[in-house]
N, C-alpha and C. Protein backbone atom coordinates (compact mmCIF):
# COMPACT_ATOMS: atom_id res chain seq x y z
N MET A 1 -2.33 -4.41 14.75
CA MET A 1 -2.98 -4.52 13.46
C MET A 1 -2.55 -5.82 12.78
N LYS A 2 -3.46 -6.39 12.06
CA LYS A 2 -3.21 -7.63 11.34
C LYS A 2 -2.17 -7.42 10.24
N GLN A 3 -1.24 -8.35 10.11
CA GLN A 3 -0.25 -8.30 9.04
C GLN A 3 -0.94 -8.69 7.73
N ILE A 4 -0.65 -7.94 6.67
CA ILE A 4 -1.22 -8.30 5.38
C ILE A 4 -0.14 -8.86 4.47
N GLN A 5 -0.57 -9.59 3.48
CA GLN A 5 0.33 -10.21 2.52
C GLN A 5 -0.11 -9.83 1.12
N MET A 6 0.74 -10.16 0.14
CA MET A 6 0.44 -9.82 -1.24
C MET A 6 -0.84 -10.48 -1.74
N ASN A 7 -1.20 -11.61 -1.19
CA ASN A 7 -2.40 -12.30 -1.65
C ASN A 7 -3.57 -12.14 -0.67
N SER A 8 -3.48 -11.16 0.24
CA SER A 8 -4.55 -10.99 1.23
C SER A 8 -5.79 -10.36 0.60
N LYS A 9 -6.92 -10.62 1.22
CA LYS A 9 -8.18 -10.07 0.71
C LYS A 9 -8.20 -8.55 0.84
N GLU A 10 -7.50 -8.00 1.82
CA GLU A 10 -7.46 -6.55 1.99
C GLU A 10 -6.75 -5.88 0.82
N LEU A 11 -5.62 -6.42 0.42
CA LEU A 11 -4.88 -5.85 -0.71
C LEU A 11 -5.66 -6.04 -2.01
N LYS A 12 -6.30 -7.18 -2.15
CA LYS A 12 -7.12 -7.41 -3.34
C LYS A 12 -8.27 -6.41 -3.41
N ARG A 13 -8.84 -6.07 -2.26
CA ARG A 13 -9.93 -5.09 -2.22
C ARG A 13 -9.42 -3.72 -2.65
N VAL A 14 -8.23 -3.35 -2.19
CA VAL A 14 -7.64 -2.05 -2.56
C VAL A 14 -7.37 -2.01 -4.06
N THR A 15 -6.77 -3.06 -4.59
CA THR A 15 -6.47 -3.06 -6.03
C THR A 15 -7.76 -3.07 -6.87
N LYS A 16 -8.78 -3.74 -6.39
CA LYS A 16 -10.07 -3.75 -7.09
C LYS A 16 -10.68 -2.36 -7.09
N ASN A 17 -10.63 -1.67 -5.94
CA ASN A 17 -11.16 -0.31 -5.86
C ASN A 17 -10.38 0.64 -6.77
N LEU A 18 -9.06 0.46 -6.86
CA LEU A 18 -8.27 1.27 -7.77
C LEU A 18 -8.67 1.01 -9.22
N GLN A 19 -8.91 -0.24 -9.56
CA GLN A 19 -9.32 -0.58 -10.92
C GLN A 19 -10.65 0.08 -11.28
N LEU A 20 -11.55 0.15 -10.31
CA LEU A 20 -12.84 0.79 -10.55
C LEU A 20 -12.68 2.28 -10.84
N GLU A 21 -11.60 2.86 -10.36
CA GLU A 21 -11.29 4.28 -10.61
C GLU A 21 -10.32 4.45 -11.77
N ASN A 22 -10.13 3.37 -12.56
CA ASN A 22 -9.19 3.38 -13.68
C ASN A 22 -7.77 3.70 -13.25
N MET A 23 -7.37 3.15 -12.12
CA MET A 23 -6.02 3.33 -11.59
C MET A 23 -5.44 1.96 -11.29
N SER A 24 -4.13 1.93 -11.15
CA SER A 24 -3.49 0.66 -10.78
C SER A 24 -2.27 0.94 -9.92
N LEU A 25 -1.76 -0.09 -9.33
CA LEU A 25 -0.59 0.00 -8.47
C LEU A 25 0.39 -1.09 -8.91
N HIS A 26 1.55 -0.67 -9.38
CA HIS A 26 2.56 -1.61 -9.87
C HIS A 26 2.89 -2.62 -8.77
N PRO A 27 3.12 -3.89 -9.12
CA PRO A 27 3.41 -4.91 -8.11
C PRO A 27 4.57 -4.57 -7.18
N SER A 28 5.61 -3.91 -7.69
CA SER A 28 6.72 -3.54 -6.81
C SER A 28 6.28 -2.49 -5.79
N LEU A 29 5.40 -1.59 -6.22
CA LEU A 29 4.87 -0.59 -5.30
C LEU A 29 3.91 -1.23 -4.30
N GLN A 30 3.19 -2.26 -4.74
CA GLN A 30 2.32 -3.00 -3.83
C GLN A 30 3.13 -3.62 -2.70
N LYS A 31 4.28 -4.21 -3.05
CA LYS A 31 5.13 -4.83 -2.02
C LYS A 31 5.63 -3.80 -1.03
N LYS A 32 6.02 -2.62 -1.52
CA LYS A 32 6.49 -1.56 -0.63
C LYS A 32 5.37 -1.07 0.28
N ALA A 33 4.17 -0.96 -0.28
CA ALA A 33 3.02 -0.52 0.52
C ALA A 33 2.69 -1.54 1.61
N VAL A 34 2.75 -2.81 1.27
CA VAL A 34 2.50 -3.87 2.25
C VAL A 34 3.54 -3.80 3.36
N SER A 35 4.79 -3.56 3.00
CA SER A 35 5.85 -3.42 4.01
C SER A 35 5.56 -2.27 4.95
N LEU A 36 5.14 -1.15 4.38
CA LEU A 36 4.84 0.03 5.18
C LEU A 36 3.69 -0.25 6.14
N VAL A 37 2.64 -0.88 5.65
CA VAL A 37 1.49 -1.21 6.50
C VAL A 37 1.91 -2.18 7.60
N ASN A 38 2.72 -3.17 7.25
CA ASN A 38 3.14 -4.17 8.23
C ASN A 38 4.19 -3.66 9.21
N SER A 39 4.76 -2.48 8.95
CA SER A 39 5.78 -1.94 9.84
C SER A 39 5.21 -1.50 11.19
N GLY A 40 3.90 -1.28 11.23
CA GLY A 40 3.26 -0.94 12.51
C GLY A 40 3.13 0.54 12.76
N ILE A 41 3.69 1.39 11.89
CA ILE A 41 3.54 2.83 12.11
C ILE A 41 2.17 3.28 11.64
N ASP A 42 1.70 4.40 12.19
CA ASP A 42 0.42 4.95 11.76
C ASP A 42 0.55 5.49 10.35
N ILE A 43 -0.39 5.13 9.50
CA ILE A 43 -0.39 5.57 8.11
C ILE A 43 -1.17 6.87 8.03
N THR A 44 -0.46 7.94 7.71
CA THR A 44 -1.08 9.25 7.57
C THR A 44 -0.70 9.82 6.20
N PRO A 45 -1.40 10.84 5.76
CA PRO A 45 -1.02 11.45 4.49
C PRO A 45 0.44 11.93 4.48
N SER A 46 0.91 12.46 5.59
CA SER A 46 2.30 12.94 5.63
C SER A 46 3.29 11.78 5.55
N VAL A 47 2.98 10.65 6.15
CA VAL A 47 3.85 9.47 6.05
C VAL A 47 3.91 8.98 4.61
N ILE A 48 2.77 8.97 3.93
CA ILE A 48 2.72 8.54 2.55
C ILE A 48 3.51 9.49 1.66
N LYS A 49 3.32 10.80 1.84
CA LYS A 49 4.06 11.79 1.05
C LYS A 49 5.56 11.65 1.26
N LYS A 50 5.96 11.50 2.51
CA LYS A 50 7.38 11.38 2.82
C LYS A 50 7.96 10.10 2.19
N ALA A 51 7.22 9.01 2.27
CA ALA A 51 7.69 7.75 1.70
C ALA A 51 7.80 7.85 0.18
N LEU A 52 6.86 8.53 -0.45
CA LEU A 52 6.91 8.70 -1.90
C LEU A 52 8.09 9.58 -2.32
N GLN A 53 8.36 10.61 -1.55
CA GLN A 53 9.47 11.50 -1.86
C GLN A 53 10.80 10.79 -1.74
N ASN A 54 10.89 9.90 -0.77
CA ASN A 54 12.13 9.18 -0.54
C ASN A 54 12.20 7.89 -1.33
N GLY A 55 11.16 7.56 -2.05
CA GLY A 55 11.13 6.32 -2.81
C GLY A 55 11.06 5.10 -1.94
N LYS A 56 10.51 5.23 -0.72
CA LYS A 56 10.49 4.13 0.23
C LYS A 56 9.09 3.62 0.54
N VAL A 57 8.14 3.85 -0.31
CA VAL A 57 6.78 3.41 0.02
C VAL A 57 6.78 1.97 0.26
């Protein structure tokens, strides 16, 4: 999978879609999410829940 960065068009698309739903993602959480995506593991709902519970998103 392609590595994404904080200024990538993919992340900008996600933040734009969140804005359309009146939601946002704090920049520190964006960095953690980018790290998770770039780690190479499969992103599943259970991985996201576990990361949120542990504060490691």
